[in-house]
Amino acid sequence: MADQRIAIDRERCAGHGRCYTVAPEIFEPDDEGFAVVTRTPGGERLENALAAAVRNCPERAVVVD
């Protein structure tokens, strides 16, 4: 998945923290507990972690283009 863009939709993110719980290699919380992207996945393990984060977000705030 070359050239993929990962973002958190700040309008949708409610700060549940599931993305950084299941994929701490890619996401971390900011000072208010909302997710921020810290790394673009490379390799199968991180791609799987990203897919898990997308599936686990109840607000569908993890955006992958």
PDB file of N, CA and C in Angstrom:
ATOM      1  N   MET A   1       0.837  -1.188   0.000  1.00  0.00           N
ATOM      2  CA  MET A   1       0.000   0.000   0.000  1.00  0.00           C
ATOM      3  C   MET A   1       0.879   1.248   0.000  1.00  0.00           C
ATOM      4  N   ALA A   2       1.557   1.445  -1.056  1.00  0.00           N
ATOM      5  CA  ALA A   2       2.433   2.601  -1.160  1.00  0.00           C
ATOM      6  C   ALA A   2       1.630   3.883  -1.255  1.00  0.00           C
ATOM      7  N   ASP A   3       2.216   4.949  -0.777  1.00  0.00           N
ATOM      8  CA  ASP A   3       1.620   6.280  -0.863  1.00  0.00           C
ATOM      9  C   ASP A   3       0.253   6.374  -0.199  1.00  0.00           C
ATOM     10  N   GLN A   4       0.020   5.616   0.847  1.00  0.00           N
ATOM     11  CA  GLN A   4      -1.261   5.741   1.519  1.00  0.00           C
ATOM     12  C   GLN A   4      -1.198   6.864   2.552  1.00  0.00           C
ATOM     13  N   ARG A   5      -2.324   7.524   2.696  1.00  0.00           N
ATOM     14  CA  ARG A   5      -2.433   8.618   3.653  1.00  0.00           C
ATOM     15  C   ARG A   5      -3.327   8.145   4.786  1.00  0.00           C
ATOM     16  N   ILE A   6      -2.850   8.318   6.002  1.00  0.00           N
ATOM     17  CA  ILE A   6      -3.616   7.938   7.182  1.00  0.00           C
ATOM     18  C   ILE A   6      -3.897   9.207   7.963  1.00  0.00           C
ATOM     19  N   ALA A   7      -5.134   9.357   8.382  1.00  0.00           N
ATOM     20  CA  ALA A   7      -5.507  10.542   9.148  1.00  0.00           C
ATOM     21  C   ALA A   7      -6.578  10.171  10.161  1.00  0.00           C
ATOM     22  N   ILE A   8      -6.727  11.029  11.148  1.00  0.00           N
ATOM     23  CA  ILE A   8      -7.819  10.926  12.105  1.00  0.00           C
ATOM     24  C   ILE A   8      -8.787  12.055  11.792  1.00  0.00           C
ATOM     25  N   ASP A   9     -10.030  11.702  11.540  1.00  0.00           N
ATOM     26  CA  ASP A   9     -11.069  12.706  11.301  1.00  0.00           C
ATOM     27  C   ASP A   9     -11.430  13.312  12.655  1.00  0.00           C
ATOM     28  N   ARG A  10     -10.956  14.528  12.895  1.00  0.00           N
ATOM     29  CA  ARG A  10     -11.146  15.185  14.193  1.00  0.00           C
ATOM     30  C   ARG A  10     -12.614  15.492  14.478  1.00  0.00           C
ATOM     31  N   GLU A  11     -13.425  15.578  13.446  1.00  0.00           N
ATOM     32  CA  GLU A  11     -14.860  15.803  13.640  1.00  0.00           C
ATOM     33  C   GLU A  11     -15.543  14.551  14.194  1.00  0.00           C
ATOM     34  N   ARG A  12     -14.993  13.391  13.860  1.00  0.00           N
ATOM     35  CA  ARG A  12     -15.601  12.126  14.287  1.00  0.00           C
ATOM     36  C   ARG A  12     -14.964  11.546  15.543  1.00  0.00           C
ATOM     37  N   CYS A  13     -13.682  11.779  15.744  1.00  0.00           N
ATOM     38  CA  CYS A  13     -12.960  11.159  16.858  1.00  0.00           C
ATOM     39  C   CYS A  13     -13.568  11.594  18.192  1.00  0.00           C
ATOM     40  N   ALA A  14     -13.927  10.599  19.002  1.00  0.00           N
ATOM     41  CA  ALA A  14     -14.499  10.866  20.323  1.00  0.00           C
ATOM     42  C   ALA A  14     -13.523  10.508  21.443  1.00  0.00           C
ATOM     43  N   GLY A  15     -12.307  10.116  21.071  1.00  0.00           N
ATOM     44  CA  GLY A  15     -11.286   9.829  22.071  1.00  0.00           C
ATOM     45  C   GLY A  15     -11.428   8.492  22.780  1.00  0.00           C
ATOM     46  N   HIS A  16     -12.040   7.511  22.133  1.00  0.00           N
ATOM     47  CA  HIS A  16     -12.185   6.185  22.746  1.00  0.00           C
ATOM     48  C   HIS A  16     -10.830   5.509  22.963  1.00  0.00           C
ATOM     49  N   GLY A  17      -9.862   5.794  22.096  1.00  0.00           N
ATOM     50  CA  GLY A  17      -8.522   5.250  22.252  1.00  0.00           C
ATOM     51  C   GLY A  17      -8.304   3.860  21.701  1.00  0.00           C
ATOM     52  N   ARG A  18      -9.263   3.333  21.000  1.00  0.00           N
ATOM     53  CA  ARG A  18      -9.100   1.974  20.477  1.00  0.00           C
ATOM     54  C   ARG A  18      -7.985   1.894  19.443  1.00  0.00           C
ATOM     55  N   CYS A  19      -7.829   2.928  18.628  1.00  0.00           N
ATOM     56  CA  CYS A  19      -6.790   2.878  17.587  1.00  0.00           C
ATOM     57  C   CYS A  19      -5.402   2.795  18.208  1.00  0.00           C
ATOM     58  N   TYR A  20      -5.126   3.612  19.217  1.00  0.00           N
ATOM     59  CA  TYR A  20      -3.789   3.543  19.802  1.00  0.00           C
ATOM     60  C   TYR A  20      -3.637   2.388  20.778  1.00  0.00           C
ATOM     61  N   THR A  21      -4.733   1.757  21.156  1.00  0.00           N
ATOM     62  CA  THR A  21      -4.642   0.538  21.954  1.00  0.00           C
ATOM     63  C   THR A  21      -4.260  -0.649  21.076  1.00  0.00           C
ATOM     64  N   VAL A  22      -4.890  -0.763  19.902  1.00  0.00           N
ATOM     65  CA  VAL A  22      -4.605  -1.904  19.023  1.00  0.00           C
ATOM     66  C   VAL A  22      -3.419  -1.663  18.091  1.00  0.00           C
ATOM     67  N   ALA A  23      -3.048  -0.407  17.869  1.00  0.00           N
ATOM     68  CA  ALA A  23      -1.930  -0.102  16.962  1.00  0.00           C
ATOM     69  C   ALA A  23      -1.058   1.021  17.532  1.00  0.00           C
ATOM     70  N   PRO A  24      -0.418   0.776  18.684  1.00  0.00           N
ATOM     71  CA  PRO A  24       0.403   1.828  19.293  1.00  0.00           C
ATOM     72  C   PRO A  24       1.633   2.201  18.469  1.00  0.00           C
ATOM     73  N   GLU A  25       1.977   1.352  17.500  1.00  0.00           N
ATOM     74  CA  GLU A  25       3.109   1.657  16.623  1.00  0.00           C
ATOM     75  C   GLU A  25       2.757   2.749  15.619  1.00  0.00           C
ATOM     76  N   ILE A  26       1.457   2.999  15.430  1.00  0.00           N
ATOM     77  CA  ILE A  26       0.988   3.938  14.405  1.00  0.00           C
ATOM     78  C   ILE A  26       0.317   5.163  15.015  1.00  0.00           C
ATOM     79  N   PHE A  27      -0.375   4.974  16.138  1.00  0.00           N
ATOM     80  CA  PHE A  27      -1.146   6.051  16.760  1.00  0.00           C
ATOM     81  C   PHE A  27      -0.726   6.245  18.210  1.00  0.00           C
ATOM     82  N   GLU A  28      -0.909   7.458  18.697  1.00  0.00           N
ATOM     83  CA  GLU A  28      -0.752   7.726  20.121  1.00  0.00           C
ATOM     84  C   GLU A  28      -1.729   8.833  20.507  1.00  0.00           C
ATOM     85  N   PRO A  29      -2.024   8.946  21.797  1.00  0.00           N
ATOM     86  CA  PRO A  29      -2.951   9.993  22.217  1.00  0.00           C
ATOM     87  C   PRO A  29      -2.259  11.348  22.308  1.00  0.00           C
ATOM     88  N   ASP A  30      -3.028  12.403  22.023  1.00  0.00           N
ATOM     89  CA  ASP A  30      -2.506  13.745  22.260  1.00  0.00           C
ATOM     90  C   ASP A  30      -2.797  14.111  23.717  1.00  0.00           C
ATOM     91  N   ASP A  31      -2.558  15.347  24.096  1.00  0.00           N
ATOM     92  CA  ASP A  31      -2.747  15.774  25.481  1.00  0.00           C
ATOM     93  C   ASP A  31      -4.191  15.673  25.960  1.00  0.00           C
ATOM     94  N   GLU A  32      -5.133  15.647  25.026  1.00  0.00           N
ATOM     95  CA  GLU A  32      -6.547  15.563  25.385  1.00  0.00           C
ATOM     96  C   GLU A  32      -7.115  14.152  25.217  1.00  0.00           C
ATOM     97  N   GLY A  33      -6.265  13.194  24.825  1.00  0.00           N
ATOM     98  CA  GLY A  33      -6.703  11.816  24.668  1.00  0.00           C
ATOM     99  C   GLY A  33      -7.196  11.449  23.284  1.00  0.00           C
ATOM    100  N   PHE A  34      -7.086  12.382  22.340  1.00  0.00           N
ATOM    101  CA  PHE A  34      -7.492  12.092  20.970  1.00  0.00           C
ATOM    102  C   PHE A  34      -6.297  11.548  20.201  1.00  0.00           C
ATOM    103  N   ALA A  35      -6.573  10.698  19.233  1.00  0.00           N
ATOM    104  CA  ALA A  35      -5.512  10.022  18.495  1.00  0.00           C
ATOM    105  C   ALA A  35      -4.798  10.940  17.516  1.00  0.00           C
ATOM    106  N   VAL A  36      -3.504  10.687  17.371  1.00  0.00           N
ATOM    107  CA  VAL A  36      -2.700  11.313  16.326  1.00  0.00           C
ATOM    108  C   VAL A  36      -1.884  10.213  15.653  1.00  0.00           C
ATOM    109  N   VAL A  37      -1.634  10.399  14.374  1.00  0.00           N
ATOM    110  CA  VAL A  37      -0.835   9.441  13.607  1.00  0.00           C
ATOM    111  C   VAL A  37       0.633   9.766  13.842  1.00  0.00           C
ATOM    112  N   THR A  38       1.409   8.758  14.231  1.00  0.00           N
ATOM    113  CA  THR A  38       2.829   8.971  14.490  1.00  0.00           C
ATOM    114  C   THR A  38       3.736   8.269  13.489  1.00  0.00           C
ATOM    115  N   ARG A  39       3.161   7.351  12.710  1.00  0.00           N
ATOM    116  CA  ARG A  39       3.988   6.572  11.780  1.00  0.00           C
ATOM    117  C   ARG A  39       3.119   6.028  10.662  1.00  0.00           C
ATOM    118  N   THR A  40       3.661   6.009   9.469  1.00  0.00           N
ATOM    119  CA  THR A  40       2.983   5.382   8.338  1.00  0.00           C
ATOM    120  C   THR A  40       3.403   3.920   8.292  1.00  0.00           C
ATOM    121  N   PRO A  41       2.446   3.014   8.221  1.00  0.00           N
ATOM    122  CA  PRO A  41       2.783   1.596   8.240  1.00  0.00           C
ATOM    123  C   PRO A  41       3.626   1.165   7.049  1.00  0.00           C
ATOM    124  N   GLY A  42       4.497   0.250   7.312  1.00  0.00           N
ATOM    125  CA  GLY A  42       5.275  -0.424   6.291  1.00  0.00           C
ATOM    126  C   GLY A  42       5.461  -1.850   6.763  1.00  0.00           C
ATOM    127  N   GLY A  43       5.220  -2.778   5.925  1.00  0.00           N
ATOM    128  CA  GLY A  43       5.331  -4.178   6.315  1.00  0.00           C
ATOM    129  C   GLY A  43       3.994  -4.747   6.744  1.00  0.00           C
ATOM    130  N   GLU A  44       3.914  -6.037   6.661  1.00  0.00           N
ATOM    131  CA  GLU A  44       2.650  -6.734   6.898  1.00  0.00           C
ATOM    132  C   GLU A  44       2.132  -6.554   8.324  1.00  0.00           C
ATOM    133  N   ARG A  45       3.012  -6.597   9.314  1.00  0.00           N
ATOM    134  CA  ARG A  45       2.573  -6.480  10.702  1.00  0.00           C
ATOM    135  C   ARG A  45       1.905  -5.134  10.957  1.00  0.00           C
ATOM    136  N   LEU A  46       2.505  -4.049  10.467  1.00  0.00           N
ATOM    137  CA  LEU A  46       1.912  -2.726  10.667  1.00  0.00           C
ATOM    138  C   LEU A  46       0.666  -2.534   9.819  1.00  0.00           C
ATOM    139  N   GLU A  47       0.634  -3.119   8.647  1.00  0.00           N
ATOM    140  CA  GLU A  47      -0.578  -3.057   7.821  1.00  0.00           C
ATOM    141  C   GLU A  47      -1.735  -3.748   8.542  1.00  0.00           C
ATOM    142  N   ASN A  48      -1.442  -4.875   9.178  1.00  0.00           N
ATOM    143  CA  ASN A  48      -2.472  -5.582   9.940  1.00  0.00           C
ATOM    144  C   ASN A  48      -2.922  -4.767  11.145  1.00  0.00           C
ATOM    145  N   ALA A  49      -1.983  -4.095  11.800  1.00  0.00           N
ATOM    146  CA  ALA A  49      -2.331  -3.237  12.939  1.00  0.00           C
ATOM    147  C   ALA A  49      -3.215  -2.078  12.488  1.00  0.00           C
ATOM    148  N   LEU A  50      -2.901  -1.492  11.340  1.00  0.00           N
ATOM    149  CA  LEU A  50      -3.724  -0.406  10.808  1.00  0.00           C
ATOM    150  C   LEU A  50      -5.132  -0.900  10.501  1.00  0.00           C
ATOM    151  N   ALA A  51      -5.239  -2.053   9.873  1.00  0.00           N
ATOM    152  CA  ALA A  51      -6.554  -2.616   9.558  1.00  0.00           C
ATOM    153  C   ALA A  51      -7.355  -2.862  10.834  1.00  0.00           C
ATOM    154  N   ALA A  52      -6.694  -3.329  11.887  1.00  0.00           N
ATOM    155  CA  ALA A  52      -7.374  -3.549  13.166  1.00  0.00           C
ATOM    156  C   ALA A  52      -7.852  -2.229  13.762  1.00  0.00           C
ATOM    157  N   ALA A  53      -7.049  -1.185  13.640  1.00  0.00           N
ATOM    158  CA  ALA A  53      -7.451   0.131  14.152  1.00  0.00           C
ATOM    159  C   ALA A  53      -8.675   0.656  13.412  1.00  0.00           C
ATOM    160  N   VAL A  54      -8.688   0.493  12.103  1.00  0.00           N
ATOM    161  CA  VAL A  54      -9.843   0.930  11.302  1.00  0.00           C
ATOM    162  C   VAL A  54     -11.091   0.162  11.736  1.00  0.00           C
ATOM    163  N   ARG A  55     -10.976  -1.144  11.882  1.00  0.00           N
ATOM    164  CA  ARG A  55     -12.122  -1.980  12.277  1.00  0.00           C
ATOM    165  C   ARG A  55     -12.630  -1.652  13.674  1.00  0.00           C
ATOM    166  N   ASN A  56     -11.729  -1.288  14.580  1.00  0.00           N
ATOM    167  CA  ASN A  56     -12.096  -1.093  15.977  1.00  0.00           C
ATOM    168  C   ASN A  56     -12.583   0.303  16.326  1.00  0.00           C
ATOM    169  N   CYS A  57     -12.481   1.245  15.417  1.00  0.00           N
ATOM    170  CA  CYS A  57     -12.927   2.609  15.720  1.00  0.00           C
ATOM    171  C   CYS A  57     -14.452   2.694  15.608  1.00  0.00           C
ATOM    172  N   PRO A  58     -15.145   2.904  16.735  1.00  0.00           N
ATOM    173  CA  PRO A  58     -16.609   2.954  16.678  1.00  0.00           C
ATOM    174  C   PRO A  58     -17.146   4.198  15.970  1.00  0.00           C
ATOM    175  N   GLU A  59     -16.323   5.217  15.861  1.00  0.00           N
ATOM    176  CA  GLU A  59     -16.747   6.465  15.212  1.00  0.00           C
ATOM    177  C   GLU A  59     -16.319   6.537  13.748  1.00  0.00           C
ATOM    178  N   ARG A  60     -15.574   5.513  13.300  1.00  0.00           N
ATOM    179  CA  ARG A  60     -15.026   5.484  11.933  1.00  0.00           C
ATOM    180  C   ARG A  60     -14.179   6.725  11.636  1.00  0.00           C
ATOM    181  N   ALA A  61     -13.359   7.080  12.621  1.00  0.00           N
ATOM    182  CA  ALA A  61     -12.538   8.281  12.508  1.00  0.00           C
ATOM    183  C   ALA A  61     -11.165   8.023  11.895  1.00  0.00           C
ATOM    184  N   VAL A  62     -10.763   6.756  11.789  1.00  0.00           N
ATOM    185  CA  VAL A  62      -9.477   6.434  11.168  1.00  0.00           C
ATOM    186  C   VAL A  62      -9.700   6.381   9.665  1.00  0.00           C
ATOM    187  N   VAL A  63      -9.051   7.298   8.956  1.00  0.00           N
ATOM    188  CA  VAL A  63      -9.250   7.442   7.512  1.00  0.00           C
ATOM    189  C   VAL A  63      -7.984   7.005   6.790  1.00  0.00           C
ATOM    190  N   VAL A  64      -8.140   6.099   5.836  1.00  0.00           N
ATOM    191  CA  VAL A  64      -7.020   5.629   5.021  1.00  0.00           C
ATOM    192  C   VAL A  64      -7.377   5.878   3.569  1.00  0.00           C
ATOM    193  N   ASP A  65      -6.562   6.674   2.899  1.00  0.00           N
ATOM    194  CA  ASP A  65      -6.761   6.978   1.467  1.00  0.00           C
ATOM    195  C   ASP A  65      -5.679   6.320   0.648  1.00  0.00           C
TER     196      ASP A  65
END
